[in-house]
């Protein structure tokens, strides 16, 4: 992961750790996820935190931030497709996989194996929320795995579908 600096952000979902490098945000970690970071590299990321404030207040539907996504062709394909899912909408793992160019999958991977491969890469999304991996659900509409936990996935979907407005956590 390309890291030149980082900060924490007090969100309604808990304290998020945001990592950024010269190319943009390269990581967003939920509480309990991630390793210790060099305290000397900690500095404010004002534009990121301002946009997160707006998002959690229900005032922002998309992020206008540089994101530094580094990965395999499959990872990049999945993460770019995630960024195309509209605010408030969801797609199934199968729908998302069907939208990907076949060339991003490893040779010899059977079609039924592609959904699992794409799902694994969704689970590795390095900048969740900004890259909205929470908008992918099971074919039957069920909530399935989320790195931040299913309760956070439900909260993000509820926020985007107008079912809830998350109160901003106060810095303490």
N, C-alpha and C. Protein backbone atom coordinates (compact mmCIF):
# COMPACT_ATOMS: atom_id res chain seq x y z
N UNK A 1 0.85 -1.18 0.00
CA UNK A 1 0.00 0.00 0.00
C UNK A 1 0.89 1.23 0.00
N UNK A 2 0.62 2.14 -0.90
CA UNK A 2 1.34 3.38 -1.00
C UNK A 2 0.90 4.30 0.14
N UNK A 3 1.80 4.60 1.08
CA UNK A 3 1.43 5.45 2.19
C UNK A 3 2.45 6.56 2.37
N UNK A 4 1.97 7.77 2.37
CA UNK A 4 2.84 8.86 2.76
C UNK A 4 2.31 9.53 4.01
N UNK A 5 0.99 9.45 4.24
CA UNK A 5 0.42 10.01 5.46
C UNK A 5 -0.94 9.38 5.74
N UNK A 6 -1.43 9.63 6.94
CA UNK A 6 -2.69 9.03 7.37
C UNK A 6 -3.33 9.90 8.44
N UNK A 7 -4.60 9.62 8.70
CA UNK A 7 -5.33 10.28 9.79
C UNK A 7 -6.43 9.35 10.25
N UNK A 8 -7.11 9.75 11.31
CA UNK A 8 -8.30 9.02 11.73
C UNK A 8 -9.49 9.95 11.57
N UNK A 9 -10.65 9.34 11.43
CA UNK A 9 -11.89 10.07 11.23
C UNK A 9 -12.95 9.45 12.13
N UNK A 10 -13.58 10.28 12.95
CA UNK A 10 -14.64 9.79 13.85
C UNK A 10 -15.95 9.76 13.07
N UNK A 11 -16.33 8.57 12.63
CA UNK A 11 -17.55 8.42 11.83
C UNK A 11 -18.66 7.83 12.70
N UNK A 12 -19.89 7.87 12.22
CA UNK A 12 -20.98 7.20 12.94
C UNK A 12 -20.78 5.69 13.03
N UNK A 13 -19.87 5.16 12.22
CA UNK A 13 -19.60 3.73 12.21
C UNK A 13 -18.39 3.37 13.06
N UNK A 14 -17.83 4.34 13.76
CA UNK A 14 -16.63 4.14 14.55
C UNK A 14 -15.47 4.89 13.93
N UNK A 15 -14.32 4.78 14.57
CA UNK A 15 -13.13 5.49 14.12
C UNK A 15 -12.56 4.81 12.88
N UNK A 16 -12.51 5.55 11.78
CA UNK A 16 -11.94 5.06 10.54
C UNK A 16 -10.52 5.58 10.41
N UNK A 17 -9.64 4.75 9.88
CA UNK A 17 -8.27 5.18 9.59
C UNK A 17 -8.16 5.35 8.08
N UNK A 18 -7.72 6.54 7.67
CA UNK A 18 -7.60 6.87 6.25
C UNK A 18 -6.12 6.99 5.92
N UNK A 19 -5.70 6.27 4.88
CA UNK A 19 -4.31 6.28 4.44
C UNK A 19 -4.26 6.89 3.05
N UNK A 20 -3.30 7.78 2.83
CA UNK A 20 -3.18 8.42 1.53
C UNK A 20 -1.71 8.47 1.11
N UNK A 21 -1.53 8.44 -0.19
CA UNK A 21 -0.20 8.57 -0.77
C UNK A 21 -0.23 9.64 -1.83
N UNK A 22 0.79 9.69 -2.63
CA UNK A 22 0.89 10.73 -3.65
C UNK A 22 -0.21 10.62 -4.69
N UNK A 23 -0.77 9.42 -4.91
CA UNK A 23 -1.81 9.23 -5.91
C UNK A 23 -3.23 9.38 -5.38
N UNK A 24 -3.38 9.59 -4.08
CA UNK A 24 -4.71 9.72 -3.50
C UNK A 24 -4.90 8.76 -2.34
N UNK A 25 -6.15 8.55 -1.96
CA UNK A 25 -6.46 7.65 -0.84
C UNK A 25 -6.14 6.22 -1.27
N UNK A 26 -5.40 5.53 -0.42
CA UNK A 26 -5.06 4.14 -0.74
C UNK A 26 -5.62 3.16 0.28
N UNK A 27 -6.20 3.68 1.34
CA UNK A 27 -6.79 2.79 2.33
C UNK A 27 -7.78 3.50 3.22
N UNK A 28 -8.82 2.79 3.60
CA UNK A 28 -9.78 3.25 4.59
C UNK A 28 -10.09 2.01 5.43
N UNK A 29 -9.79 2.08 6.69
CA UNK A 29 -9.91 0.90 7.55
C UNK A 29 -10.94 1.13 8.64
N UNK A 30 -11.75 0.12 8.86
CA UNK A 30 -12.72 0.14 9.95
C UNK A 30 -12.02 -0.14 11.27
N UNK A 31 -12.67 0.20 12.40
CA UNK A 31 -12.06 -0.08 13.70
C UNK A 31 -11.67 -1.56 13.82
N UNK A 32 -10.51 -1.79 14.40
CA UNK A 32 -10.04 -3.16 14.59
C UNK A 32 -9.40 -3.78 13.36
N UNK A 33 -9.32 -3.03 12.27
CA UNK A 33 -8.72 -3.53 11.03
C UNK A 33 -7.47 -2.73 10.72
N UNK A 34 -6.38 -3.39 10.61
CA UNK A 34 -5.18 -2.68 10.21
C UNK A 34 -4.10 -2.77 11.26
N UNK A 35 -2.97 -2.30 10.87
CA UNK A 35 -1.79 -2.39 11.73
C UNK A 35 -1.46 -1.01 12.28
N UNK A 36 -0.47 -0.99 13.14
CA UNK A 36 -0.04 0.29 13.68
C UNK A 36 0.67 1.09 12.58
N UNK A 37 0.48 2.39 12.63
CA UNK A 37 1.05 3.27 11.62
C UNK A 37 2.04 4.22 12.28
N UNK A 38 2.97 4.72 11.50
CA UNK A 38 3.98 5.64 11.99
C UNK A 38 3.33 6.96 12.41
N UNK A 39 3.42 7.27 13.69
CA UNK A 39 2.79 8.50 14.20
C UNK A 39 3.35 9.75 13.53
N UNK A 40 4.59 9.70 13.10
CA UNK A 40 5.20 10.87 12.44
C UNK A 40 4.55 11.16 11.09
N UNK A 41 3.86 10.17 10.50
CA UNK A 41 3.21 10.35 9.20
C UNK A 41 1.76 10.78 9.34
N UNK A 42 1.31 11.00 10.57
CA UNK A 42 -0.09 11.40 10.78
C UNK A 42 -0.23 12.88 10.49
N UNK A 43 -1.21 13.20 9.62
CA UNK A 43 -1.51 14.60 9.34
C UNK A 43 -2.96 14.70 8.85
N UNK A 44 -3.55 15.87 8.92
CA UNK A 44 -4.94 16.03 8.50
C UNK A 44 -5.13 15.74 7.01
N UNK A 45 -6.28 15.19 6.69
CA UNK A 45 -6.71 14.97 5.30
C UNK A 45 -8.06 15.67 5.19
N UNK A 46 -8.01 17.00 5.21
CA UNK A 46 -9.21 17.82 5.34
C UNK A 46 -10.26 17.57 4.27
N UNK A 47 -9.84 17.44 3.01
CA UNK A 47 -10.83 17.25 1.94
C UNK A 47 -11.54 15.90 2.09
N UNK A 48 -10.79 14.89 2.47
CA UNK A 48 -11.38 13.56 2.67
C UNK A 48 -12.39 13.60 3.82
N UNK A 49 -11.98 14.16 4.94
CA UNK A 49 -12.87 14.17 6.10
C UNK A 49 -14.09 15.07 5.85
N UNK A 50 -13.91 16.16 5.12
CA UNK A 50 -15.06 17.03 4.80
C UNK A 50 -16.07 16.26 3.94
N UNK A 51 -15.59 15.52 2.95
CA UNK A 51 -16.52 14.77 2.10
C UNK A 51 -17.18 13.63 2.87
N UNK A 52 -16.45 13.00 3.78
CA UNK A 52 -17.07 11.96 4.62
C UNK A 52 -18.14 12.58 5.52
N UNK A 53 -17.87 13.76 6.10
CA UNK A 53 -18.90 14.46 6.90
C UNK A 53 -20.17 14.67 6.07
N UNK A 54 -19.99 15.16 4.84
CA UNK A 54 -21.14 15.42 3.96
C UNK A 54 -21.87 14.13 3.63
N UNK A 55 -21.14 13.07 3.35
CA UNK A 55 -21.75 11.78 3.02
C UNK A 55 -22.58 11.27 4.20
N UNK A 56 -21.99 11.26 5.38
CA UNK A 56 -22.71 10.73 6.54
C UNK A 56 -23.88 11.61 6.96
N UNK A 57 -23.85 12.89 6.60
CA UNK A 57 -24.97 13.79 6.87
C UNK A 57 -26.06 13.67 5.81
N UNK A 58 -25.85 12.82 4.80
CA UNK A 58 -26.83 12.64 3.74
C UNK A 58 -26.79 13.75 2.70
N UNK A 59 -25.72 14.55 2.69
CA UNK A 59 -25.61 15.69 1.78
C UNK A 59 -24.76 15.40 0.55
N UNK A 60 -24.08 14.27 0.51
CA UNK A 60 -23.18 13.94 -0.60
C UNK A 60 -23.49 12.53 -1.07
N UNK A 61 -23.65 12.38 -2.39
CA UNK A 61 -23.98 11.08 -2.96
C UNK A 61 -22.80 10.41 -3.66
N UNK A 62 -21.73 11.14 -3.88
CA UNK A 62 -20.54 10.58 -4.51
C UNK A 62 -19.32 11.31 -4.01
N UNK A 63 -18.20 10.67 -4.12
CA UNK A 63 -16.95 11.26 -3.65
C UNK A 63 -16.15 11.79 -4.84
N UNK A 64 -15.60 12.96 -4.64
CA UNK A 64 -14.75 13.59 -5.64
C UNK A 64 -13.34 13.65 -5.06
N UNK A 65 -12.76 12.46 -4.92
CA UNK A 65 -11.44 12.34 -4.31
C UNK A 65 -10.55 11.47 -5.18
N UNK A 66 -9.27 11.79 -5.27
CA UNK A 66 -8.37 10.87 -5.97
C UNK A 66 -8.20 9.60 -5.14
N UNK A 67 -8.30 8.46 -5.80
CA UNK A 67 -8.15 7.17 -5.13
C UNK A 67 -7.02 6.43 -5.82
N UNK A 68 -6.10 5.93 -5.03
CA UNK A 68 -4.94 5.21 -5.55
C UNK A 68 -5.19 3.71 -5.41
N UNK A 69 -5.76 3.11 -6.45
CA UNK A 69 -6.08 1.69 -6.43
C UNK A 69 -4.99 0.94 -7.18
N UNK A 70 -4.28 0.10 -6.45
CA UNK A 70 -3.19 -0.67 -7.04
C UNK A 70 -3.54 -2.14 -6.86
N UNK A 71 -3.61 -2.88 -7.97
CA UNK A 71 -3.96 -4.29 -7.85
C UNK A 71 -3.84 -5.02 -9.16
N UNK A 72 -4.33 -6.24 -9.15
CA UNK A 72 -4.33 -7.08 -10.35
C UNK A 72 -5.38 -6.56 -11.32
N UNK A 73 -5.36 -7.02 -12.57
CA UNK A 73 -6.42 -6.60 -13.50
C UNK A 73 -7.83 -6.93 -12.97
N UNK A 74 -8.00 -8.07 -12.33
CA UNK A 74 -9.32 -8.42 -11.77
C UNK A 74 -9.69 -7.45 -10.66
N UNK A 75 -8.77 -7.17 -9.75
CA UNK A 75 -9.07 -6.23 -8.67
C UNK A 75 -9.45 -4.86 -9.21
N UNK A 76 -8.64 -4.34 -10.12
CA UNK A 76 -8.93 -3.02 -10.69
C UNK A 76 -10.28 -3.03 -11.40
N UNK A 77 -10.56 -4.07 -12.16
CA UNK A 77 -11.84 -4.17 -12.85
C UNK A 77 -13.01 -4.18 -11.88
N UNK A 78 -12.89 -4.94 -10.82
CA UNK A 78 -13.95 -5.01 -9.80
C UNK A 78 -14.11 -3.65 -9.13
N UNK A 79 -13.01 -3.06 -8.68
CA UNK A 79 -13.10 -1.80 -7.94
C UNK A 79 -13.62 -0.66 -8.81
N UNK A 80 -13.24 -0.64 -10.07
CA UNK A 80 -13.77 0.39 -10.97
C UNK A 80 -15.27 0.18 -11.19
N UNK A 81 -15.69 -1.06 -11.32
CA UNK A 81 -17.13 -1.35 -11.49
C UNK A 81 -17.91 -0.94 -10.24
N UNK A 82 -17.34 -1.17 -9.07
CA UNK A 82 -18.01 -0.75 -7.82
C UNK A 82 -18.27 0.76 -7.83
N UNK A 83 -17.33 1.52 -8.35
CA UNK A 83 -17.46 2.98 -8.36
C UNK A 83 -18.58 3.45 -9.29
N UNK A 84 -19.05 2.57 -10.17
CA UNK A 84 -20.13 2.91 -11.10
C UNK A 84 -21.53 2.64 -10.52
N UNK A 85 -21.61 1.96 -9.39
CA UNK A 85 -22.92 1.65 -8.80
C UNK A 85 -23.47 2.95 -8.21
N UNK A 86 -24.64 3.37 -8.66
CA UNK A 86 -25.19 4.64 -8.18
C UNK A 86 -25.52 4.64 -6.68
N UNK A 87 -25.43 5.80 -6.10
CA UNK A 87 -25.82 6.02 -4.71
C UNK A 87 -27.25 5.50 -4.52
N UNK A 88 -27.46 4.77 -3.45
CA UNK A 88 -28.80 4.27 -3.14
C UNK A 88 -29.19 3.00 -3.89
N UNK A 89 -28.36 2.56 -4.82
CA UNK A 89 -28.66 1.35 -5.61
C UNK A 89 -27.83 0.18 -5.09
N UNK A 90 -28.26 -1.01 -5.46
CA UNK A 90 -27.48 -2.21 -5.15
C UNK A 90 -27.43 -3.08 -6.40
N UNK A 91 -26.41 -3.92 -6.46
CA UNK A 91 -26.30 -4.93 -7.51
C UNK A 91 -25.91 -6.23 -6.83
N UNK A 92 -26.22 -7.33 -7.49
CA UNK A 92 -25.83 -8.62 -6.95
C UNK A 92 -24.40 -8.94 -7.38
N UNK A 93 -23.80 -9.87 -6.68
CA UNK A 93 -22.46 -10.32 -7.05
C UNK A 93 -22.45 -10.83 -8.49
N UNK A 94 -23.49 -11.57 -8.86
CA UNK A 94 -23.57 -12.11 -10.22
C UNK A 94 -23.70 -11.02 -11.26
N UNK A 95 -24.52 -9.99 -10.99
CA UNK A 95 -24.67 -8.88 -11.93
C UNK A 95 -23.33 -8.16 -12.11
N UNK A 96 -22.66 -7.88 -11.02
CA UNK A 96 -21.38 -7.19 -11.10
C UNK A 96 -20.38 -8.03 -11.90
N UNK A 97 -20.32 -9.32 -11.61
CA UNK A 97 -19.39 -10.20 -12.32
C UNK A 97 -19.70 -10.23 -13.81
N UNK A 98 -20.98 -10.26 -14.16
CA UNK A 98 -21.37 -10.28 -15.57
C UNK A 98 -20.99 -9.02 -16.32
N UNK A 99 -20.81 -7.92 -15.59
CA UNK A 99 -20.42 -6.65 -16.21
C UNK A 99 -18.93 -6.54 -16.48
N UNK A 100 -18.14 -7.45 -15.92
CA UNK A 100 -16.69 -7.37 -16.06
C UNK A 100 -16.24 -7.98 -17.38
N UNK A 101 -15.19 -7.41 -17.93
CA UNK A 101 -14.59 -7.95 -19.14
C UNK A 101 -13.97 -9.31 -18.80
N UNK A 102 -14.23 -10.31 -19.63
CA UNK A 102 -13.72 -11.66 -19.37
C UNK A 102 -12.21 -11.69 -19.28
N UNK A 103 -11.53 -10.76 -19.92
CA UNK A 103 -10.07 -10.78 -19.94
C UNK A 103 -9.45 -10.52 -18.56
N UNK A 104 -10.21 -9.99 -17.60
CA UNK A 104 -9.63 -9.71 -16.29
C UNK A 104 -9.54 -10.98 -15.43
N UNK A 105 -10.27 -12.03 -15.82
CA UNK A 105 -10.26 -13.26 -15.04
C UNK A 105 -9.09 -14.15 -15.43
N UNK A 106 -8.55 -14.91 -14.48
CA UNK A 106 -7.48 -15.85 -14.81
C UNK A 106 -7.94 -16.85 -15.87
N UNK A 107 -7.02 -17.25 -16.72
CA UNK A 107 -7.33 -18.24 -17.76
C UNK A 107 -7.83 -19.53 -17.12
N UNK A 108 -8.82 -20.14 -17.77
CA UNK A 108 -9.32 -21.43 -17.32
C UNK A 108 -10.34 -21.36 -16.20
N UNK A 109 -10.66 -20.17 -15.74
CA UNK A 109 -11.65 -20.03 -14.67
C UNK A 109 -13.04 -20.24 -15.26
N UNK A 110 -13.76 -21.19 -14.73
CA UNK A 110 -15.12 -21.48 -15.20
C UNK A 110 -16.04 -20.31 -14.85
N UNK A 111 -17.10 -20.10 -15.65
CA UNK A 111 -18.01 -18.99 -15.37
C UNK A 111 -18.56 -18.99 -13.93
N UNK A 112 -18.90 -20.16 -13.40
CA UNK A 112 -19.45 -20.19 -12.05
C UNK A 112 -18.38 -19.82 -11.00
N UNK A 113 -17.12 -19.99 -11.34
CA UNK A 113 -16.03 -19.63 -10.43
C UNK A 113 -15.73 -18.13 -10.45
N UNK A 114 -16.16 -17.47 -11.50
CA UNK A 114 -15.88 -16.04 -11.64
C UNK A 114 -16.59 -15.22 -10.56
N UNK A 115 -17.80 -15.63 -10.21
CA UNK A 115 -18.53 -14.88 -9.18
C UNK A 115 -17.75 -14.95 -7.86
N UNK A 116 -17.25 -16.12 -7.53
CA UNK A 116 -16.47 -16.26 -6.29
C UNK A 116 -15.20 -15.41 -6.35
N UNK A 117 -14.54 -15.43 -7.50
CA UNK A 117 -13.31 -14.65 -7.66
C UNK A 117 -13.60 -13.16 -7.52
N UNK A 118 -14.67 -12.69 -8.16
CA UNK A 118 -15.03 -11.27 -8.06
C UNK A 118 -15.43 -10.92 -6.63
N UNK A 119 -16.19 -11.80 -5.98
CA UNK A 119 -16.62 -11.56 -4.60
C UNK A 119 -15.41 -11.44 -3.67
N UNK A 120 -14.41 -12.26 -3.89
CA UNK A 120 -13.21 -12.19 -3.07
C UNK A 120 -12.53 -10.83 -3.23
N UNK A 121 -12.51 -10.31 -4.44
CA UNK A 121 -11.88 -9.01 -4.68
C UNK A 121 -12.73 -7.87 -4.13
N UNK A 122 -14.04 -8.02 -4.15
CA UNK A 122 -14.91 -7.02 -3.50
C UNK A 122 -14.54 -6.95 -2.03
N UNK A 123 -14.32 -8.11 -1.42
CA UNK A 123 -13.94 -8.17 -0.02
C UNK A 123 -12.57 -7.58 0.28
N UNK A 124 -11.77 -7.40 -0.73
CA UNK A 124 -10.44 -6.81 -0.57
C UNK A 124 -10.40 -5.33 -0.95
N UNK A 125 -11.54 -4.73 -1.15
CA UNK A 125 -11.59 -3.31 -1.52
C UNK A 125 -10.82 -2.49 -0.49
N UNK A 126 -9.76 -1.80 -0.90
CA UNK A 126 -8.92 -1.09 0.07
C UNK A 126 -9.51 0.22 0.59
N UNK A 127 -10.49 0.78 -0.12
CA UNK A 127 -11.06 2.07 0.26
C UNK A 127 -12.59 1.94 0.31
N UNK A 128 -13.11 1.12 1.25
CA UNK A 128 -14.56 0.98 1.33
C UNK A 128 -15.21 2.33 1.62
N UNK A 129 -16.48 2.42 1.37
CA UNK A 129 -17.33 3.61 1.45
C UNK A 129 -17.06 4.48 0.24
N UNK A 130 -15.82 4.95 0.06
CA UNK A 130 -15.49 5.76 -1.11
C UNK A 130 -15.62 4.90 -2.38
N UNK A 131 -15.13 3.68 -2.33
CA UNK A 131 -15.37 2.68 -3.37
C UNK A 131 -16.47 1.79 -2.77
N UNK A 132 -17.71 1.99 -3.19
CA UNK A 132 -18.88 1.48 -2.46
C UNK A 132 -19.15 -0.02 -2.57
N UNK A 133 -18.27 -0.80 -1.97
CA UNK A 133 -18.44 -2.25 -1.98
C UNK A 133 -19.67 -2.68 -1.17
N UNK A 134 -20.16 -1.80 -0.30
CA UNK A 134 -21.36 -2.12 0.49
C UNK A 134 -22.61 -2.22 -0.38
N UNK A 135 -22.54 -1.75 -1.61
CA UNK A 135 -23.71 -1.77 -2.50
C UNK A 135 -23.88 -3.11 -3.23
N UNK A 136 -23.06 -4.10 -2.92
CA UNK A 136 -23.18 -5.42 -3.55
C UNK A 136 -23.84 -6.36 -2.55
N UNK A 137 -24.90 -7.03 -3.01
CA UNK A 137 -25.69 -7.90 -2.15
C UNK A 137 -25.88 -9.26 -2.81
N UNK A 138 -26.41 -10.19 -2.05
CA UNK A 138 -26.69 -11.51 -2.59
C UNK A 138 -27.79 -11.46 -3.64
N UNK A 139 -27.85 -12.47 -4.48
CA UNK A 139 -28.84 -12.53 -5.56
C UNK A 139 -30.27 -12.48 -5.03
N UNK A 140 -30.46 -12.97 -3.81
CA UNK A 140 -31.80 -12.98 -3.20
C UNK A 140 -32.08 -11.72 -2.40
N UNK A 141 -31.18 -10.74 -2.49
CA UNK A 141 -31.36 -9.48 -1.77
C UNK A 141 -30.76 -9.49 -0.38
N UNK A 142 -30.17 -10.59 0.02
CA UNK A 142 -29.61 -10.69 1.37
C UNK A 142 -28.29 -9.94 1.47
N UNK A 143 -28.01 -9.50 2.67
CA UNK A 143 -26.71 -8.89 2.93
C UNK A 143 -25.72 -10.01 3.16
N UNK A 144 -24.60 -9.91 2.49
CA UNK A 144 -23.55 -10.91 2.67
C UNK A 144 -22.29 -10.17 3.09
N UNK A 145 -21.24 -10.91 3.37
CA UNK A 145 -20.01 -10.40 3.93
C UNK A 145 -19.66 -8.95 3.65
N UNK A 146 -19.10 -8.31 4.67
CA UNK A 146 -18.61 -6.94 4.54
C UNK A 146 -17.47 -6.77 5.53
N UNK A 147 -16.37 -6.22 5.06
CA UNK A 147 -15.19 -6.07 5.91
C UNK A 147 -15.44 -5.29 7.18
N UNK A 148 -16.38 -4.39 7.15
CA UNK A 148 -16.71 -3.60 8.33
C UNK A 148 -17.78 -4.24 9.20
N UNK A 149 -18.28 -5.39 8.77
CA UNK A 149 -19.36 -6.06 9.50
C UNK A 149 -20.71 -5.75 8.87
N UNK A 150 -21.61 -6.71 8.96
CA UNK A 150 -22.93 -6.55 8.32
C UNK A 150 -23.73 -5.39 8.90
N UNK A 151 -23.53 -5.07 10.20
CA UNK A 151 -24.29 -3.96 10.78
C UNK A 151 -23.87 -2.64 10.13
N UNK A 152 -22.59 -2.50 9.78
CA UNK A 152 -22.15 -1.28 9.09
C UNK A 152 -22.65 -1.26 7.65
N UNK A 153 -22.67 -2.41 6.99
CA UNK A 153 -23.19 -2.48 5.63
C UNK A 153 -24.65 -2.06 5.62
N UNK A 154 -25.45 -2.58 6.55
CA UNK A 154 -26.87 -2.23 6.65
C UNK A 154 -27.02 -0.73 6.92
N UNK A 155 -26.20 -0.17 7.80
CA UNK A 155 -26.29 1.26 8.12
C UNK A 155 -25.98 2.12 6.90
N UNK A 156 -24.98 1.74 6.11
CA UNK A 156 -24.64 2.50 4.90
C UNK A 156 -25.75 2.42 3.87
N UNK A 157 -26.30 1.23 3.67
CA UNK A 157 -27.40 1.08 2.71
C UNK A 157 -28.63 1.84 3.17
N UNK A 158 -28.94 1.79 4.46
CA UNK A 158 -30.08 2.53 5.00
C UNK A 158 -29.89 4.03 4.81
N UNK A 159 -28.68 4.52 5.07
CA UNK A 159 -28.39 5.94 4.87
C UNK A 159 -28.64 6.33 3.42
N UNK A 160 -28.13 5.53 2.50
CA UNK A 160 -28.24 5.86 1.08
C UNK A 160 -29.66 5.71 0.55
N UNK A 161 -30.45 4.87 1.17
CA UNK A 161 -31.82 4.68 0.71
C UNK A 161 -32.80 5.57 1.47
N UNK A 162 -32.25 6.50 2.24
CA UNK A 162 -33.08 7.48 2.94
C UNK A 162 -33.80 6.94 4.15
N UNK A 163 -33.44 5.74 4.58
CA UNK A 163 -34.13 5.13 5.72
C UNK A 163 -33.59 5.64 7.04
N UNK A 164 -32.41 6.24 7.01
CA UNK A 164 -31.81 6.71 8.24
C UNK A 164 -30.80 7.79 7.93
N UNK A 165 -30.64 8.69 8.87
CA UNK A 165 -29.56 9.65 8.78
C UNK A 165 -28.67 9.36 9.97
N UNK A 166 -27.43 9.07 9.70
CA UNK A 166 -26.51 8.70 10.77
C UNK A 166 -26.03 9.96 11.45
N UNK A 167 -26.14 10.03 12.78
CA UNK A 167 -25.62 11.20 13.47
C UNK A 167 -24.09 11.18 13.41
N UNK A 168 -23.50 12.32 13.19
CA UNK A 168 -22.05 12.38 13.15
C UNK A 168 -21.49 12.18 14.56
N UNK A 169 -20.46 11.37 14.65
CA UNK A 169 -19.78 11.18 15.93
C UNK A 169 -19.05 12.47 16.27
N UNK A 170 -18.99 12.78 17.53
CA UNK A 170 -18.28 13.98 17.91
C UNK A 170 -16.88 13.61 18.32
N UNK A 171 -15.95 14.47 17.95
CA UNK A 171 -14.55 14.21 18.32
C UNK A 171 -14.44 14.32 19.83
N UNK A 172 -13.69 13.39 20.42
CA UNK A 172 -13.65 13.42 21.87
C UNK A 172 -12.34 13.31 22.44
